[in-house]
Every structure is written in C-alpha cells, then in structure tokens.
C-alpha atoms as a PDB file:
ATOM      1  CA  MET A   1       6.742 -28.904 -16.818  1.00  0.00           C
ATOM      2  CA  GLN A   2       6.133 -28.814 -13.018  1.00  0.00           C
ATOM      3  CA  ILE A   3       8.850 -26.329 -12.560  1.00  0.00           C
ATOM      4  CA  VAL A   4       7.206 -23.787 -15.546  1.00  0.00           C
ATOM      5  CA  ALA A   5       4.134 -24.088 -14.181  1.00  0.00           C
ATOM      6  CA  VAL A   6       5.703 -22.985 -10.306  1.00  0.00           C
ATOM      7  CA  ASN A   7       7.461 -20.865 -11.897  1.00  0.00           C
ATOM      8  CA  GLU A   8       4.168 -19.137 -13.407  1.00  0.00           C
ATOM      9  CA  HIS A   9       2.891 -19.462 -10.225  1.00  0.00           C
ATOM     10  CA  ALA A  10       4.964 -17.486  -8.268  1.00  0.00           C
ATOM     11  CA  GLN A  11       5.378 -14.842 -11.021  1.00  0.00           C
ATOM     12  CA  LYS A  12       1.664 -14.665 -11.082  1.00  0.00           C
ATOM     13  CA  ARG A  13       1.331 -14.211  -7.360  1.00  0.00           C
ATOM     14  CA  TYR A  14       4.003 -12.085  -7.305  1.00  0.00           C
ATOM     15  CA  LYS A  15       2.394  -9.493  -9.659  1.00  0.00           C
ATOM     16  CA  GLU A  16      -0.553  -9.736  -7.786  1.00  0.00           C
ATOM     17  CA  PHE A  17       1.034  -8.612  -5.061  1.00  0.00           C
ATOM     18  CA  THR A  18       2.762  -5.619  -6.929  1.00  0.00           C
ATOM     19  CA  THR A  19      -0.565  -4.945  -8.132  1.00  0.00           C
ATOM     20  CA  ALA A  20      -1.867  -4.390  -4.771  1.00  0.00           C
ATOM     21  CA  ILE A  21       0.729  -2.170  -3.868  1.00  0.00           C
ATOM     22  CA  ALA A  22       0.112  -0.140  -6.517  1.00  0.00           C
ATOM     23  CA  HIS A  23      -4.053   0.127  -6.364  1.00  0.00           C
ATOM     24  CA  VAL A  24      -3.593   1.289  -2.223  1.00  0.00           C
ATOM     25  CA  ASN A  25      -0.648   3.677  -3.310  1.00  0.00           C
ATOM     26  CA  ASP A  26      -2.887   4.791  -5.969  1.00  0.00           C
ATOM     27  CA  LEU A  27      -6.417   5.088  -3.353  1.00  0.00           C
ATOM     28  CA  ILE A  28      -4.021   7.764  -1.063  1.00  0.00           C
ATOM     29  CA  VAL A  29      -4.360  10.697  -3.254  1.00  0.00           C
ATOM     30  CA  PRO A  30      -8.471  10.760  -3.422  1.00  0.00           C
ATOM     31  CA  ILE A  31      -7.948  10.624   0.579  1.00  0.00           C
ATOM     32  CA  ASP A  32      -5.392  13.004   0.226  1.00  0.00           C
ATOM     33  CA  LYS A  33      -7.694  15.391  -1.404  1.00  0.00           C
ATOM     34  CA  LEU A  34     -10.939  14.680   1.351  1.00  0.00           C
ATOM     35  CA  ILE A  35      -8.493  15.544   4.259  1.00  0.00           C
ATOM     36  CA  ASN A  36      -7.476  18.357   2.312  1.00  0.00           C
ATOM     37  CA  ARG A  37     -10.957  19.883   2.209  1.00  0.00           C
ATOM     38  CA  MET A  38     -12.121  18.741   5.629  1.00  0.00           C
ATOM     39  CA  GLU A  39     -12.727  21.488   8.464  1.00  0.00           C
ATOM     40  CA  ARG A  40     -11.785  20.988  12.111  1.00  0.00           C
ATOM     41  CA  PRO A  41     -14.478  19.832  14.005  1.00  0.00           C
ATOM     42  CA  ASN A  42     -17.002  21.678  16.207  1.00  0.00           C
ATOM     43  CA  ALA A  43     -16.119  21.360  19.346  1.00  0.00           C
ATOM     44  CA  ARG A  44     -19.755  21.893  20.408  1.00  0.00           C
ATOM     45  CA  PHE A  45     -21.112  18.906  18.772  1.00  0.00           C
ATOM     46  CA  ARG A  46     -20.464  16.047  20.925  1.00  0.00           C
ATOM     47  CA  GLY A  47     -22.731  13.362  19.504  1.00  0.00           C
ATOM     48  CA  TRP A  48     -19.704  11.660  17.466  1.00  0.00           C
ATOM     49  CA  ARG A  49     -15.825  12.204  17.248  1.00  0.00           C
ATOM     50  CA  MET A  50     -13.962  12.520  14.152  1.00  0.00           C
ATOM     51  CA  LYS A  51     -10.177  12.483  14.100  1.00  0.00           C
ATOM     52  CA  ARG A  52      -8.530  15.815  12.884  1.00  0.00           C
ATOM     53  CA  PRO A  53      -6.881  16.470   9.179  1.00  0.00           C
ATOM     54  CA  ASP A  54      -3.541  16.723  11.121  1.00  0.00           C
ATOM     55  CA  GLU A  55      -4.306  13.594  12.652  1.00  0.00           C
ATOM     56  CA  LEU A  56      -5.391  12.323   9.471  1.00  0.00           C
ATOM     57  CA  LYS A  57      -2.287  13.539   7.710  1.00  0.00           C
ATOM     58  CA  ALA A  58      -0.011  11.877   9.628  1.00  0.00           C
ATOM     59  CA  ILE A  59      -1.650   8.624   9.128  1.00  0.00           C
ATOM     60  CA  VAL A  60      -1.619   8.770   5.785  1.00  0.00           C
ATOM     61  CA  LYS A  61       2.576   9.816   6.025  1.00  0.00           C
ATOM     62  CA  LYS A  62       2.660   6.582   7.667  1.00  0.00           C
ATOM     63  CA  LEU A  63       0.891   4.556   5.622  1.00  0.00           C
ATOM     64  CA  ARG A  64       3.115   6.059   2.322  1.00  0.00           C
ATOM     65  CA  ASN A  65       5.984   5.146   4.326  1.00  0.00           C
ATOM     66  CA  GLN A  66       5.098   1.691   5.199  1.00  0.00           C
ATOM     67  CA  LEU A  67       4.075   0.847   1.263  1.00  0.00           C
ATOM     68  CA  GLU A  68       7.201   2.257   0.499  1.00  0.00           C
ATOM     69  CA  LEU A  69       8.974  -0.315   2.941  1.00  0.00           C
ATOM     70  CA  LEU A  70       6.967  -3.090   1.295  1.00  0.00           C
ATOM     71  CA  THR A  71       7.753  -2.057  -2.165  1.00  0.00           C
ATOM     72  CA  GLU A  72      11.497  -1.792  -1.388  1.00  0.00           C
ATOM     73  CA  GLN A  73      11.326  -5.645   0.097  1.00  0.00           C
ATOM     74  CA  ALA A  74       9.540  -6.539  -2.517  1.00  0.00           C
ATOM     75  CA  LYS A  75      11.989  -5.813  -5.167  1.00  0.00           C
ATOM     76  CA  LYS A  76      14.427  -7.281  -3.705  1.00  0.00           C
ATOM     77  CA  TYR A  77      12.785 -10.627  -3.393  1.00  0.00           C
ATOM     78  CA  GLU A  78      11.951 -10.261  -6.873  1.00  0.00           C
ATOM     79  CA  LYS A  79      15.781  -9.550  -7.417  1.00  0.00           C
ATOM     80  CA  GLU A  80      16.376 -13.015  -5.487  1.00  0.00           C
ATOM     81  CA  LEU A  81      13.360 -15.444  -6.928  1.00  0.00           C
ATOM     82  CA  VAL A  82      14.731 -13.884 -10.436  1.00  0.00           C
ATOM     83  CA  SER A  83      18.406 -15.396  -9.594  1.00  0.00           C
ATOM     84  CA  ARG A  84      16.288 -18.536  -8.776  1.00  0.00           C
ATOM     85  CA  ASP A  85      14.040 -18.690 -11.919  1.00  0.00           C
ATOM     86  CA  TRP A  86      11.196 -17.859 -10.083  1.00  0.00           C
ATOM     87  CA  ARG A  87      11.802 -20.905  -7.538  1.00  0.00           C
ATOM     88  CA  VAL A  88      10.061 -20.063  -4.624  1.00  0.00           C
END
C-alpha cells in the first residue's frame, strides 16, 4: 500500500506542476493585452521610469519560450514516470 500512496503523491505533485504551468500561460494573455494598450512613456516626465512596450514584449516572448521548454521537459519526465509506474 505504501507504493500506491507514493504513486498517488507523485501523480498529484505532477498534476499541480502542470496546472501551475497552464495557469502562468493563461496569465500571459492579459499581460499581452495590457502591453498592447500601453503608450510610449513621455520623455519629459522624469519622476519614475518604465520599460517601453517593445522591451516588455521581448520579456513576454522570452517567458513564453521558457515555459514552452519547461512544458517539453515536463512531458518527457511524465513519460519517464509512467514507465516507472510513477515511482520517483
């Protein structure tokens, strides 16, 4: 019975991990919309500084690429876990 509990725990943890990745992916959409509505900052205002929309888009693109890589690695790891009956 202990092995079954470990297997269920591993499955639960993996599901939480993939759910977190999906949640972050879902949060990127409103960020993109916000960036698209941004205007270029006024150069005369010197109170605080904000990144330009093109810089923010580059950051989001990098985030998407890293999430894609993480998702691919997670899928490979899932195959490995399934082949070992979810034994960690």
